[in-house]
Amino acid sequence: MSIKNTIKSLDFFASLNVQEIDILASISSTNSYNKNYILHYEKKASNQLLFLIEGLAKSYKIDKHNNEIFLYYIYKNNLLSEISNIKSNILFSFSNIELVEESKILSINYAQFQEKFLNKNLLNAAFTDAIILRSQQLQSLVNREFIFDSVAKVAMMIHSDLKMFNKLKRHDISLILHIQPETLSRVLNRLKRNKVIDIIHGKIFVLDYIELKAIYEDN
């Protein structure tokens, strides 16, 4: 796929006309990376604005004991870069960004992107929406880590990302949610007894989305 067609495939750039896509393509490139490749290291500076075209990435931090703290997943057709200051032409990553699957990335020269688009009030709304989405992800993280009990943690993950919940091994889910595997099993069995979910051959099916959401919102 050409860079122009790649740009057209991303929702972020849906408002651009043909001429603007041509300009963006001139300051962009695409690259493919293997699984486990680390795109960003925490606090490292970058002059490239990155979008995930295909694949899957995760954001995480490392604590003082060298343990990985999972933050959130980033899916295709989304902004990968973390924006903390829209006035600077250098980007600093809040976390480490690692590719979970083989992935294809769109890279845009950020200084030129600011000059040719943001400074001309082009894509500002899309840019703001992307920043708000990242803020909401971090808000969910705060709830998960500091406010929610184990039942609310599991309910929120199932409700917000059932596909990933079923894709991951139970051990990996326990690590993400910072609960014991035994606790995860008890919570899933409790949700099944209460007819909120069903479990068939190890796969989760939601029976009552309203009740599932209420569990973590009420928490």
N, C-alpha and C. Protein backbone atom coordinates (compact mmCIF):
# COMPACT_ATOMS: atom_id res chain seq x y z
N MET A 1 0.84 -1.19 0.00
CA MET A 1 0.00 0.00 0.00
C MET A 1 0.88 1.25 0.00
N SER A 2 0.57 2.23 -0.85
CA SER A 2 1.34 3.46 -0.90
C SER A 2 1.13 4.28 0.38
N ILE A 3 2.03 5.22 0.61
CA ILE A 3 1.89 6.07 1.80
C ILE A 3 0.59 6.87 1.75
N LYS A 4 0.23 7.34 0.58
CA LYS A 4 -1.02 8.11 0.44
C LYS A 4 -2.23 7.25 0.82
N ASN A 5 -2.27 6.03 0.33
CA ASN A 5 -3.39 5.15 0.66
C ASN A 5 -3.37 4.74 2.13
N THR A 6 -2.17 4.62 2.68
CA THR A 6 -2.04 4.32 4.11
C THR A 6 -2.64 5.46 4.94
N ILE A 7 -2.30 6.68 4.58
CA ILE A 7 -2.84 7.85 5.29
C ILE A 7 -4.36 7.89 5.18
N LYS A 8 -4.88 7.61 3.98
CA LYS A 8 -6.33 7.61 3.78
C LYS A 8 -7.02 6.54 4.62
N SER A 9 -6.31 5.46 4.94
CA SER A 9 -6.92 4.36 5.71
C SER A 9 -7.04 4.65 7.20
N LEU A 10 -6.37 5.70 7.66
CA LEU A 10 -6.38 6.05 9.08
C LEU A 10 -7.47 7.08 9.37
N ASP A 11 -8.32 6.79 10.33
CA ASP A 11 -9.43 7.69 10.67
C ASP A 11 -8.96 9.09 11.05
N PHE A 12 -7.79 9.16 11.67
CA PHE A 12 -7.25 10.43 12.14
C PHE A 12 -7.18 11.47 11.02
N PHE A 13 -6.93 11.01 9.78
CA PHE A 13 -6.70 11.93 8.66
C PHE A 13 -7.90 12.02 7.72
N ALA A 14 -9.06 11.60 8.18
CA ALA A 14 -10.26 11.54 7.32
C ALA A 14 -10.67 12.92 6.79
N SER A 15 -10.33 13.98 7.48
CA SER A 15 -10.78 15.33 7.07
C SER A 15 -9.87 15.96 6.01
N LEU A 16 -8.75 15.34 5.69
CA LEU A 16 -7.81 15.95 4.74
C LEU A 16 -8.27 15.78 3.30
N ASN A 17 -8.00 16.80 2.49
CA ASN A 17 -8.30 16.70 1.06
C ASN A 17 -7.09 16.10 0.34
N VAL A 18 -7.21 15.94 -0.97
CA VAL A 18 -6.17 15.29 -1.77
C VAL A 18 -4.84 16.04 -1.67
N GLN A 19 -4.89 17.35 -1.77
CA GLN A 19 -3.66 18.15 -1.71
C GLN A 19 -2.99 18.02 -0.34
N GLU A 20 -3.78 18.05 0.70
CA GLU A 20 -3.22 17.95 2.06
C GLU A 20 -2.62 16.57 2.31
N ILE A 21 -3.24 15.53 1.75
CA ILE A 21 -2.69 14.18 1.87
C ILE A 21 -1.35 14.09 1.15
N ASP A 22 -1.24 14.76 0.01
CA ASP A 22 0.03 14.80 -0.72
C ASP A 22 1.12 15.44 0.14
N ILE A 23 0.78 16.53 0.79
CA ILE A 23 1.75 17.23 1.66
C ILE A 23 2.18 16.32 2.81
N LEU A 24 1.20 15.66 3.43
CA LEU A 24 1.51 14.79 4.56
C LEU A 24 2.37 13.61 4.12
N ALA A 25 2.06 13.05 2.96
CA ALA A 25 2.85 11.93 2.44
C ALA A 25 4.31 12.31 2.23
N SER A 26 4.54 13.58 1.88
CA SER A 26 5.91 14.03 1.60
C SER A 26 6.78 14.11 2.86
N ILE A 27 6.15 14.12 4.03
CA ILE A 27 6.92 14.19 5.29
C ILE A 27 6.75 12.92 6.12
N SER A 28 6.28 11.84 5.45
CA SER A 28 5.97 10.60 6.16
C SER A 28 6.71 9.41 5.56
N SER A 29 6.78 8.34 6.34
CA SER A 29 7.33 7.08 5.86
C SER A 29 6.64 5.95 6.60
N THR A 30 6.72 4.75 6.07
CA THR A 30 6.14 3.58 6.75
C THR A 30 7.24 2.55 6.97
N ASN A 31 7.13 1.84 8.09
CA ASN A 31 8.10 0.80 8.42
C ASN A 31 7.38 -0.37 9.08
N SER A 32 7.91 -1.55 8.87
CA SER A 32 7.37 -2.76 9.51
C SER A 32 8.35 -3.22 10.59
N TYR A 33 7.81 -3.73 11.70
CA TYR A 33 8.62 -4.15 12.83
C TYR A 33 8.16 -5.51 13.33
N ASN A 34 9.10 -6.25 13.91
CA ASN A 34 8.78 -7.56 14.47
C ASN A 34 8.13 -7.45 15.84
N LYS A 35 7.49 -8.52 16.24
CA LYS A 35 6.93 -8.63 17.59
C LYS A 35 8.03 -8.41 18.62
N ASN A 36 7.68 -7.75 19.71
CA ASN A 36 8.58 -7.44 20.84
C ASN A 36 9.54 -6.29 20.58
N TYR A 37 9.44 -5.66 19.41
CA TYR A 37 10.28 -4.48 19.15
C TYR A 37 9.79 -3.32 20.02
N ILE A 38 10.71 -2.61 20.64
CA ILE A 38 10.35 -1.48 21.49
C ILE A 38 10.49 -0.18 20.69
N LEU A 39 9.38 0.48 20.48
CA LEU A 39 9.34 1.72 19.71
C LEU A 39 9.82 2.91 20.52
N HIS A 40 9.38 2.97 21.76
CA HIS A 40 9.69 4.09 22.65
C HIS A 40 10.26 3.55 23.95
N TYR A 41 11.22 4.26 24.48
CA TYR A 41 11.62 4.04 25.86
C TYR A 41 11.15 5.24 26.68
N GLU A 42 10.78 4.99 27.90
CA GLU A 42 10.27 6.05 28.77
C GLU A 42 11.25 7.22 28.83
N LYS A 43 10.72 8.43 28.65
CA LYS A 43 11.44 9.70 28.75
C LYS A 43 12.39 9.95 27.58
N LYS A 44 12.41 9.06 26.60
CA LYS A 44 13.29 9.27 25.45
C LYS A 44 12.67 10.25 24.47
N ALA A 45 13.49 11.16 23.94
CA ALA A 45 13.00 12.17 23.01
C ALA A 45 12.86 11.60 21.61
N SER A 46 11.88 12.11 20.86
CA SER A 46 11.66 11.68 19.49
C SER A 46 11.16 12.86 18.66
N ASN A 47 11.52 12.87 17.39
CA ASN A 47 11.01 13.91 16.48
C ASN A 47 10.02 13.33 15.48
N GLN A 48 9.53 12.11 15.76
CA GLN A 48 8.59 11.43 14.87
C GLN A 48 7.25 11.20 15.54
N LEU A 49 6.19 11.54 14.84
CA LEU A 49 4.82 11.26 15.29
C LEU A 49 4.43 9.91 14.70
N LEU A 50 4.04 8.96 15.54
CA LEU A 50 3.84 7.58 15.10
C LEU A 50 2.38 7.15 15.19
N PHE A 51 1.93 6.44 14.15
CA PHE A 51 0.59 5.86 14.13
C PHE A 51 0.71 4.37 13.85
N LEU A 52 -0.14 3.58 14.50
CA LEU A 52 -0.15 2.14 14.28
C LEU A 52 -1.10 1.81 13.14
N ILE A 53 -0.54 1.35 12.03
CA ILE A 53 -1.35 1.01 10.85
C ILE A 53 -1.91 -0.41 11.00
N GLU A 54 -1.04 -1.34 11.34
CA GLU A 54 -1.42 -2.74 11.53
C GLU A 54 -0.68 -3.28 12.75
N GLY A 55 -1.32 -4.24 13.46
CA GLY A 55 -0.66 -4.87 14.58
C GLY A 55 -1.24 -4.47 15.92
N LEU A 56 -0.43 -4.60 16.96
CA LEU A 56 -0.87 -4.32 18.33
C LEU A 56 0.34 -3.91 19.15
N ALA A 57 0.16 -2.91 20.01
CA ALA A 57 1.24 -2.44 20.88
C ALA A 57 0.74 -2.33 22.32
N LYS A 58 1.67 -2.29 23.25
CA LYS A 58 1.29 -2.08 24.65
C LYS A 58 2.17 -1.00 25.25
N SER A 59 1.58 -0.28 26.19
CA SER A 59 2.28 0.75 26.94
C SER A 59 2.54 0.21 28.35
N TYR A 60 3.77 0.39 28.83
CA TYR A 60 4.09 -0.08 30.18
C TYR A 60 5.22 0.74 30.78
N LYS A 61 5.33 0.67 32.10
CA LYS A 61 6.42 1.31 32.81
C LYS A 61 7.15 0.25 33.64
N ILE A 62 8.35 0.59 34.09
CA ILE A 62 9.15 -0.31 34.93
C ILE A 62 9.28 0.32 36.31
N ASP A 63 8.92 -0.45 37.35
CA ASP A 63 9.00 0.11 38.71
C ASP A 63 10.42 -0.03 39.27
N LYS A 64 10.61 0.42 40.50
CA LYS A 64 11.96 0.44 41.09
C LYS A 64 12.51 -0.95 41.35
N HIS A 65 11.64 -1.97 41.33
CA HIS A 65 12.09 -3.35 41.49
C HIS A 65 12.27 -4.05 40.15
N ASN A 66 12.24 -3.27 39.06
CA ASN A 66 12.41 -3.78 37.70
C ASN A 66 11.24 -4.66 37.26
N ASN A 67 10.07 -4.42 37.86
CA ASN A 67 8.85 -5.14 37.44
C ASN A 67 8.11 -4.33 36.39
N GLU A 68 7.50 -5.02 35.44
CA GLU A 68 6.73 -4.34 34.39
C GLU A 68 5.35 -3.99 34.91
N ILE A 69 4.96 -2.73 34.76
CA ILE A 69 3.62 -2.26 35.12
C ILE A 69 2.86 -1.99 33.83
N PHE A 70 1.92 -2.86 33.50
CA PHE A 70 1.14 -2.69 32.28
C PHE A 70 0.21 -1.49 32.40
N LEU A 71 0.13 -0.67 31.34
CA LEU A 71 -0.75 0.50 31.34
C LEU A 71 -1.97 0.27 30.44
N TYR A 72 -1.75 0.07 29.14
CA TYR A 72 -2.89 -0.14 28.25
C TYR A 72 -2.38 -0.67 26.90
N TYR A 73 -3.30 -1.20 26.11
CA TYR A 73 -2.99 -1.62 24.75
C TYR A 73 -3.29 -0.49 23.78
N ILE A 74 -2.58 -0.48 22.66
CA ILE A 74 -2.84 0.46 21.58
C ILE A 74 -3.13 -0.37 20.34
N TYR A 75 -4.29 -0.14 19.75
CA TYR A 75 -4.74 -0.95 18.62
C TYR A 75 -4.48 -0.22 17.31
N LYS A 76 -4.57 -0.97 16.21
CA LYS A 76 -4.33 -0.39 14.89
C LYS A 76 -5.30 0.78 14.64
N ASN A 77 -4.88 1.66 13.75
CA ASN A 77 -5.66 2.85 13.41
C ASN A 77 -5.69 3.85 14.57
N ASN A 78 -4.59 3.87 15.35
CA ASN A 78 -4.52 4.78 16.49
C ASN A 78 -3.15 5.43 16.59
N LEU A 79 -3.13 6.58 17.28
CA LEU A 79 -1.89 7.29 17.56
C LEU A 79 -1.06 6.50 18.57
N LEU A 80 0.22 6.31 18.28
CA LEU A 80 1.13 5.64 19.20
C LEU A 80 1.88 6.62 20.09
N SER A 81 2.26 7.75 19.54
CA SER A 81 3.05 8.72 20.28
C SER A 81 2.25 9.31 21.45
N GLU A 82 2.99 9.70 22.48
CA GLU A 82 2.36 10.31 23.65
C GLU A 82 2.65 11.80 23.63
N ILE A 83 1.61 12.60 23.70
CA ILE A 83 1.74 14.06 23.58
C ILE A 83 1.58 14.70 24.95
N SER A 84 2.62 15.37 25.42
CA SER A 84 2.54 16.05 26.71
C SER A 84 2.60 17.56 26.56
N ASN A 85 3.13 18.04 25.42
CA ASN A 85 3.27 19.48 25.20
C ASN A 85 3.14 19.76 23.71
N ILE A 86 2.00 20.32 23.30
CA ILE A 86 1.75 20.51 21.86
C ILE A 86 2.57 21.67 21.30
N LYS A 87 3.19 22.48 22.15
CA LYS A 87 3.99 23.60 21.66
C LYS A 87 5.41 23.18 21.30
N SER A 88 5.87 22.07 21.87
CA SER A 88 7.22 21.60 21.59
C SER A 88 7.23 20.77 20.31
N ASN A 89 8.34 20.85 19.54
CA ASN A 89 8.44 20.03 18.34
C ASN A 89 9.21 18.73 18.61
N ILE A 90 9.44 18.46 19.90
CA ILE A 90 10.06 17.21 20.33
C ILE A 90 9.06 16.46 21.21
N LEU A 91 8.94 15.17 21.00
CA LEU A 91 8.03 14.34 21.78
C LEU A 91 8.79 13.52 22.81
N PHE A 92 8.26 13.46 24.02
CA PHE A 92 8.86 12.64 25.07
C PHE A 92 7.85 11.58 25.50
N SER A 93 8.30 10.35 25.56
CA SER A 93 7.40 9.26 25.88
C SER A 93 7.20 9.13 27.39
N PHE A 94 5.94 9.05 27.81
CA PHE A 94 5.60 8.85 29.22
C PHE A 94 5.92 7.42 29.64
N SER A 95 5.89 6.49 28.69
CA SER A 95 6.06 5.08 29.02
C SER A 95 6.86 4.39 27.92
N ASN A 96 7.12 3.11 28.13
CA ASN A 96 7.71 2.27 27.09
C ASN A 96 6.59 1.77 26.20
N ILE A 97 6.82 1.76 24.89
CA ILE A 97 5.84 1.24 23.94
C ILE A 97 6.47 0.05 23.22
N GLU A 98 5.88 -1.12 23.42
CA GLU A 98 6.39 -2.35 22.81
C GLU A 98 5.35 -2.97 21.89
N LEU A 99 5.80 -3.50 20.77
CA LEU A 99 4.89 -4.15 19.84
C LEU A 99 4.60 -5.57 20.30
N VAL A 100 3.33 -5.89 20.40
CA VAL A 100 2.89 -7.22 20.85
C VAL A 100 2.76 -8.17 19.67
N GLU A 101 2.56 -7.61 18.49
CA GLU A 101 2.46 -8.39 17.26
C GLU A 101 3.34 -7.74 16.20
N GLU A 102 3.61 -8.46 15.12
CA GLU A 102 4.25 -7.82 13.97
C GLU A 102 3.39 -6.64 13.54
N SER A 103 4.02 -5.51 13.34
CA SER A 103 3.24 -4.28 13.14
C SER A 103 3.82 -3.40 12.04
N LYS A 104 2.96 -2.56 11.52
CA LYS A 104 3.36 -1.57 10.52
C LYS A 104 3.07 -0.18 11.08
N ILE A 105 4.05 0.71 10.97
CA ILE A 105 3.99 2.02 11.61
C ILE A 105 4.11 3.13 10.57
N LEU A 106 3.28 4.16 10.72
CA LEU A 106 3.43 5.39 9.94
C LEU A 106 4.20 6.40 10.79
N SER A 107 5.31 6.91 10.24
CA SER A 107 6.13 7.90 10.94
C SER A 107 6.04 9.24 10.22
N ILE A 108 5.78 10.30 10.99
CA ILE A 108 5.64 11.64 10.42
C ILE A 108 6.61 12.58 11.12
N ASN A 109 7.33 13.37 10.33
CA ASN A 109 8.22 14.37 10.93
C ASN A 109 7.37 15.36 11.72
N TYR A 110 7.55 15.37 13.04
CA TYR A 110 6.63 16.11 13.90
C TYR A 110 6.77 17.62 13.75
N ALA A 111 7.99 18.12 13.59
CA ALA A 111 8.19 19.57 13.43
C ALA A 111 7.49 20.06 12.16
N GLN A 112 7.63 19.30 11.08
CA GLN A 112 6.96 19.70 9.83
C GLN A 112 5.46 19.50 9.92
N PHE A 113 5.02 18.49 10.66
CA PHE A 113 3.59 18.27 10.87
C PHE A 113 2.97 19.47 11.60
N GLN A 114 3.69 19.99 12.59
CA GLN A 114 3.20 21.18 13.29
C GLN A 114 3.12 22.38 12.33
N GLU A 115 4.19 22.56 11.56
CA GLU A 115 4.26 23.72 10.66
C GLU A 115 3.20 23.66 9.57
N LYS A 116 3.01 22.51 8.95
CA LYS A 116 2.14 22.40 7.79
C LYS A 116 0.68 22.10 8.12
N PHE A 117 0.43 21.63 9.36
CA PHE A 117 -0.93 21.26 9.71
C PHE A 117 -1.42 21.93 11.00
N LEU A 118 -0.84 21.63 12.11
CA LEU A 118 -1.35 22.15 13.39
C LEU A 118 -1.32 23.67 13.43
N ASN A 119 -0.25 24.28 12.94
CA ASN A 119 -0.16 25.74 12.96
C ASN A 119 -1.12 26.41 11.99
N LYS A 120 -1.70 25.62 11.09
CA LYS A 120 -2.70 26.13 10.14
C LYS A 120 -4.10 25.65 10.51
N ASN A 121 -4.23 25.20 11.76
CA ASN A 121 -5.52 24.72 12.29
C ASN A 121 -6.08 23.54 11.50
N LEU A 122 -5.20 22.71 10.99
CA LEU A 122 -5.60 21.48 10.32
C LEU A 122 -5.33 20.30 11.25
N LEU A 123 -6.30 19.43 11.40
CA LEU A 123 -6.21 18.22 12.23
C LEU A 123 -6.17 18.51 13.73
N ASN A 124 -6.42 19.76 14.13
CA ASN A 124 -6.38 20.08 15.56
C ASN A 124 -7.43 19.30 16.35
N ALA A 125 -8.63 19.16 15.77
CA ALA A 125 -9.70 18.45 16.47
C ALA A 125 -9.34 16.97 16.64
N ALA A 126 -8.82 16.37 15.57
CA ALA A 126 -8.42 14.96 15.65
C ALA A 126 -7.29 14.78 16.65
N PHE A 127 -6.37 15.73 16.66
CA PHE A 127 -5.24 15.68 17.59
C PHE A 127 -5.73 15.78 19.03
N THR A 128 -6.66 16.69 19.27
CA THR A 128 -7.23 16.85 20.60
C THR A 128 -7.96 15.60 21.05
N ASP A 129 -8.74 15.00 20.13
CA ASP A 129 -9.47 13.77 20.47
C ASP A 129 -8.51 12.65 20.86
N ALA A 130 -7.38 12.55 20.16
CA ALA A 130 -6.40 11.51 20.47
C ALA A 130 -5.79 11.72 21.85
N ILE A 131 -5.53 12.98 22.18
CA ILE A 131 -4.97 13.29 23.50
C ILE A 131 -5.99 12.99 24.59
N ILE A 132 -7.25 13.32 24.35
CA ILE A 132 -8.31 13.04 25.33
C ILE A 132 -8.45 11.53 25.55
N LEU A 133 -8.40 10.76 24.47
CA LEU A 133 -8.50 9.31 24.58
C LEU A 133 -7.37 8.76 25.45
N ARG A 134 -6.15 9.25 25.25
CA ARG A 134 -5.03 8.79 26.06
C ARG A 134 -5.22 9.18 27.52
N SER A 135 -5.77 10.36 27.76
CA SER A 135 -6.06 10.80 29.13
C SER A 135 -7.09 9.89 29.79
N GLN A 136 -8.11 9.48 29.04
CA GLN A 136 -9.12 8.57 29.57
C GLN A 136 -8.52 7.21 29.90
N GLN A 137 -7.57 6.76 29.07
CA GLN A 137 -6.91 5.49 29.34
C GLN A 137 -6.13 5.56 30.65
N LEU A 138 -5.47 6.69 30.88
CA LEU A 138 -4.71 6.85 32.12
C LEU A 138 -5.64 6.99 33.32
N GLN A 139 -6.80 7.61 33.13
CA GLN A 139 -7.79 7.69 34.20
C GLN A 139 -8.29 6.30 34.57
N SER A 140 -8.53 5.47 33.57
CA SER A 140 -8.94 4.09 33.83
C SER A 140 -7.85 3.34 34.58
N LEU A 141 -6.60 3.63 34.24
CA LEU A 141 -5.48 3.01 34.94
C LEU A 141 -5.47 3.37 36.42
N VAL A 142 -5.70 4.66 36.73
CA VAL A 142 -5.74 5.09 38.13
C VAL A 142 -6.84 4.37 38.88
N ASN A 143 -8.01 4.28 38.26
CA ASN A 143 -9.11 3.54 38.90
C ASN A 143 -8.74 2.09 39.14
N ARG A 144 -8.14 1.47 38.13
CA ARG A 144 -7.80 0.06 38.22
C ARG A 144 -6.77 -0.19 39.31
N GLU A 145 -5.78 0.68 39.42
CA GLU A 145 -4.67 0.43 40.34
C GLU A 145 -4.95 0.87 41.77
N PHE A 146 -5.72 1.94 41.94
CA PHE A 146 -5.82 2.53 43.27
C PHE A 146 -7.22 2.54 43.87
N ILE A 147 -8.25 2.31 43.07
CA ILE A 147 -9.61 2.42 43.58
C ILE A 147 -10.36 1.10 43.51
N PHE A 148 -10.27 0.40 42.41
CA PHE A 148 -11.08 -0.80 42.19
C PHE A 148 -10.61 -1.99 43.01
N ASP A 149 -11.57 -2.80 43.47
CA ASP A 149 -11.22 -4.09 44.04
C ASP A 149 -11.07 -5.09 42.91
N SER A 150 -10.77 -6.34 43.24
CA SER A 150 -10.48 -7.34 42.21
C SER A 150 -11.67 -7.59 41.30
N VAL A 151 -12.89 -7.58 41.86
CA VAL A 151 -14.08 -7.82 41.05
C VAL A 151 -14.27 -6.70 40.04
N ALA A 152 -14.10 -5.46 40.48
CA ALA A 152 -14.27 -4.31 39.59
C ALA A 152 -13.19 -4.31 38.50
N LYS A 153 -11.96 -4.68 38.85
CA LYS A 153 -10.88 -4.74 37.87
C LYS A 153 -11.21 -5.72 36.75
N VAL A 154 -11.66 -6.91 37.13
CA VAL A 154 -11.98 -7.93 36.13
C VAL A 154 -13.18 -7.50 35.30
N ALA A 155 -14.20 -6.96 35.95
CA ALA A 155 -15.40 -6.52 35.24
C ALA A 155 -15.08 -5.44 34.22
N MET A 156 -14.24 -4.48 34.59
CA MET A 156 -13.89 -3.40 33.67
C MET A 156 -13.12 -3.93 32.46
N MET A 157 -12.19 -4.84 32.69
CA MET A 157 -11.41 -5.36 31.57
C MET A 157 -12.28 -6.17 30.62
N ILE A 158 -13.18 -6.98 31.16
CA ILE A 158 -14.08 -7.76 30.31
C ILE A 158 -14.99 -6.83 29.52
N HIS A 159 -15.53 -5.82 30.18
CA HIS A 159 -16.47 -4.91 29.53
C HIS A 159 -15.78 -4.08 28.44
N SER A 160 -14.57 -3.60 28.72
CA SER A 160 -13.91 -2.67 27.80
C SER A 160 -13.11 -3.38 26.72
N ASP A 161 -12.71 -4.63 26.98
CA ASP A 161 -11.83 -5.30 26.01
C ASP A 161 -11.99 -6.82 26.08
N LEU A 162 -13.20 -7.28 25.77
CA LEU A 162 -13.50 -8.72 25.85
C LEU A 162 -12.62 -9.52 24.90
N LYS A 163 -12.39 -9.00 23.71
CA LYS A 163 -11.59 -9.73 22.72
C LYS A 163 -10.19 -10.01 23.26
N MET A 164 -9.56 -9.01 23.87
CA MET A 164 -8.23 -9.19 24.42
C MET A 164 -8.27 -10.10 25.65
N PHE A 165 -9.30 -9.97 26.46
CA PHE A 165 -9.44 -10.82 27.65
C PHE A 165 -9.44 -12.29 27.23
N ASN A 166 -10.18 -12.61 26.18
CA ASN A 166 -10.25 -14.00 25.72
C ASN A 166 -8.98 -14.43 24.99
N LYS A 167 -8.24 -13.49 24.48
CA LYS A 167 -7.01 -13.81 23.75
C LYS A 167 -5.86 -14.13 24.70
N LEU A 168 -5.82 -13.44 25.83
CA LEU A 168 -4.71 -13.61 26.76
C LEU A 168 -4.87 -14.85 27.64
N LYS A 169 -3.73 -15.36 28.11
CA LYS A 169 -3.77 -16.43 29.10
C LYS A 169 -4.18 -15.84 30.45
N ARG A 170 -4.83 -16.65 31.27
CA ARG A 170 -5.29 -16.17 32.58
C ARG A 170 -4.13 -15.64 33.42
N HIS A 171 -2.98 -16.27 33.31
CA HIS A 171 -1.81 -15.81 34.07
C HIS A 171 -1.44 -14.39 33.67
N ASP A 172 -1.47 -14.12 32.36
CA ASP A 172 -1.11 -12.78 31.89
C ASP A 172 -2.14 -11.74 32.33
N ILE A 173 -3.41 -12.12 32.36
CA ILE A 173 -4.46 -11.21 32.84
C ILE A 173 -4.22 -10.87 34.31
N SER A 174 -3.84 -11.88 35.08
CA SER A 174 -3.56 -11.66 36.51
C SER A 174 -2.43 -10.67 36.69
N LEU A 175 -1.39 -10.77 35.87
CA LEU A 175 -0.26 -9.85 35.96
C LEU A 175 -0.68 -8.44 35.60
N ILE A 176 -1.50 -8.31 34.55
CA ILE A 176 -1.97 -6.99 34.12
C ILE A 176 -2.79 -6.32 35.22
N LEU A 177 -3.67 -7.09 35.85
CA LEU A 177 -4.58 -6.54 36.86
C LEU A 177 -3.98 -6.54 38.26
N HIS A 178 -2.80 -7.11 38.40
CA HIS A 178 -2.13 -7.19 39.70
C HIS A 178 -2.99 -7.90 40.75
N ILE A 179 -3.51 -9.06 40.36
CA ILE A 179 -4.24 -9.92 41.29
C ILE A 179 -3.70 -11.34 41.13
N GLN A 180 -3.94 -12.17 42.11
CA GLN A 180 -3.48 -13.55 42.04
C GLN A 180 -4.33 -14.35 41.06
N PRO A 181 -3.75 -15.35 40.38
CA PRO A 181 -4.53 -16.20 39.47
C PRO A 181 -5.72 -16.85 40.16
N GLU A 182 -5.55 -17.23 41.43
CA GLU A 182 -6.66 -17.84 42.17
C GLU A 182 -7.79 -16.84 42.38
N THR A 183 -7.41 -15.58 42.61
CA THR A 183 -8.42 -14.53 42.78
C THR A 183 -9.19 -14.32 41.49
N LEU A 184 -8.47 -14.32 40.37
CA LEU A 184 -9.12 -14.17 39.06
C LEU A 184 -10.13 -15.28 38.83
N SER A 185 -9.75 -16.51 39.14
CA SER A 185 -10.66 -17.64 38.97
C SER A 185 -11.91 -17.49 39.82
N ARG A 186 -11.73 -17.06 41.08
CA ARG A 186 -12.88 -16.88 41.97
C ARG A 186 -13.81 -15.79 41.45
N VAL A 187 -13.23 -14.69 40.94
CA VAL A 187 -14.06 -13.59 40.42
C VAL A 187 -14.85 -14.06 39.20
N LEU A 188 -14.21 -14.77 38.29
CA LEU A 188 -14.90 -15.25 37.09
C LEU A 188 -16.03 -16.22 37.46
N ASN A 189 -15.77 -17.09 38.41
CA ASN A 189 -16.81 -18.03 38.85
C ASN A 189 -17.97 -17.28 39.51
N ARG A 190 -17.64 -16.23 40.26
CA ARG A 190 -18.70 -15.42 40.91
C ARG A 190 -19.55 -14.73 39.85
N LEU A 191 -18.91 -14.16 38.84
CA LEU A 191 -19.66 -13.49 37.78
C LEU A 191 -20.53 -14.48 37.01
N LYS A 192 -20.02 -15.70 36.86
CA LYS A 192 -20.80 -16.72 36.18
C LYS A 192 -22.00 -17.15 37.02
N ARG A 193 -21.78 -17.34 38.33
CA ARG A 193 -22.90 -17.71 39.22
C ARG A 193 -23.99 -16.66 39.21
N ASN A 194 -23.57 -15.39 39.11
CA ASN A 194 -24.54 -14.29 39.12
C ASN A 194 -25.13 -14.02 37.73
N LYS A 195 -24.77 -14.90 36.78
CA LYS A 195 -25.31 -14.82 35.40
C LYS A 195 -24.96 -13.51 34.69
N VAL A 196 -23.81 -12.96 35.07
CA VAL A 196 -23.30 -11.78 34.38
C VAL A 196 -22.51 -12.22 33.15
N ILE A 197 -21.78 -13.32 33.29
CA ILE A 197 -21.02 -13.88 32.18
C ILE A 197 -21.29 -15.38 32.11
N ASP A 198 -20.87 -15.97 31.01
CA ASP A 198 -20.81 -17.42 30.91
C ASP A 198 -19.40 -17.80 30.46
N ILE A 199 -18.96 -18.99 30.80
CA ILE A 199 -17.63 -19.46 30.42
C ILE A 199 -17.80 -20.79 29.69
N ILE A 200 -17.45 -20.81 28.42
CA ILE A 200 -17.60 -22.01 27.60
C ILE A 200 -16.24 -22.35 27.00
N HIS A 201 -15.71 -23.51 27.37
CA HIS A 201 -14.38 -23.95 26.91
C HIS A 201 -13.33 -22.88 27.18
N GLY A 202 -13.42 -22.24 28.34
CA GLY A 202 -12.45 -21.25 28.76
C GLY A 202 -12.65 -19.86 28.18
N LYS A 203 -13.65 -19.70 27.30
CA LYS A 203 -13.90 -18.41 26.67
C LYS A 203 -15.04 -17.69 27.37
N ILE A 204 -14.86 -16.40 27.57
CA ILE A 204 -15.85 -15.59 28.29
C ILE A 204 -16.90 -15.05 27.32
N PHE A 205 -18.17 -15.17 27.71
CA PHE A 205 -19.28 -14.57 26.97
C PHE A 205 -20.06 -13.70 27.95
N VAL A 206 -20.34 -12.47 27.55
CA VAL A 206 -21.07 -11.55 28.44
C VAL A 206 -22.57 -11.77 28.26
N LEU A 207 -23.25 -12.00 29.38
CA LEU A 207 -24.70 -12.19 29.37
C LEU A 207 -25.44 -10.91 29.73
N ASP A 208 -24.80 -10.05 30.55
CA ASP A 208 -25.46 -8.84 31.03
C ASP A 208 -24.47 -7.69 31.06
N TYR A 209 -24.38 -6.96 29.95
CA TYR A 209 -23.43 -5.85 29.86
C TYR A 209 -23.76 -4.73 30.84
N ILE A 210 -25.02 -4.49 31.09
CA ILE A 210 -25.43 -3.41 32.00
C ILE A 210 -24.94 -3.70 33.41
N GLU A 211 -25.17 -4.91 33.87
CA GLU A 211 -24.73 -5.30 35.21
C GLU A 211 -23.20 -5.32 35.30
N LEU A 212 -22.55 -5.78 34.25
CA LEU A 212 -21.08 -5.83 34.23
C LEU A 212 -20.50 -4.43 34.39
N LYS A 213 -21.06 -3.48 33.66
CA LYS A 213 -20.57 -2.09 33.75
C LYS A 213 -20.87 -1.50 35.12
N ALA A 214 -22.03 -1.83 35.66
CA ALA A 214 -22.43 -1.31 36.97
C ALA A 214 -21.47 -1.76 38.07
N ILE A 215 -20.89 -2.93 37.92
CA ILE A 215 -19.99 -3.47 38.95
C ILE A 215 -18.81 -2.53 39.17
N TYR A 216 -18.18 -2.07 38.07
CA TYR A 216 -17.02 -1.21 38.29
C TYR A 216 -17.39 0.27 38.40
N GLU A 217 -18.49 0.68 37.82
CA GLU A 217 -18.89 2.08 37.99
C GLU A 217 -19.35 2.36 39.42
N ASP A 218 -20.09 1.41 40.00
CA ASP A 218 -20.53 1.58 41.39
C ASP A 218 -19.37 1.50 42.35
N ASN A 219 -18.33 0.74 41.95
CA ASN A 219 -17.17 0.59 42.82
C ASN A 219 -16.45 1.93 43.00
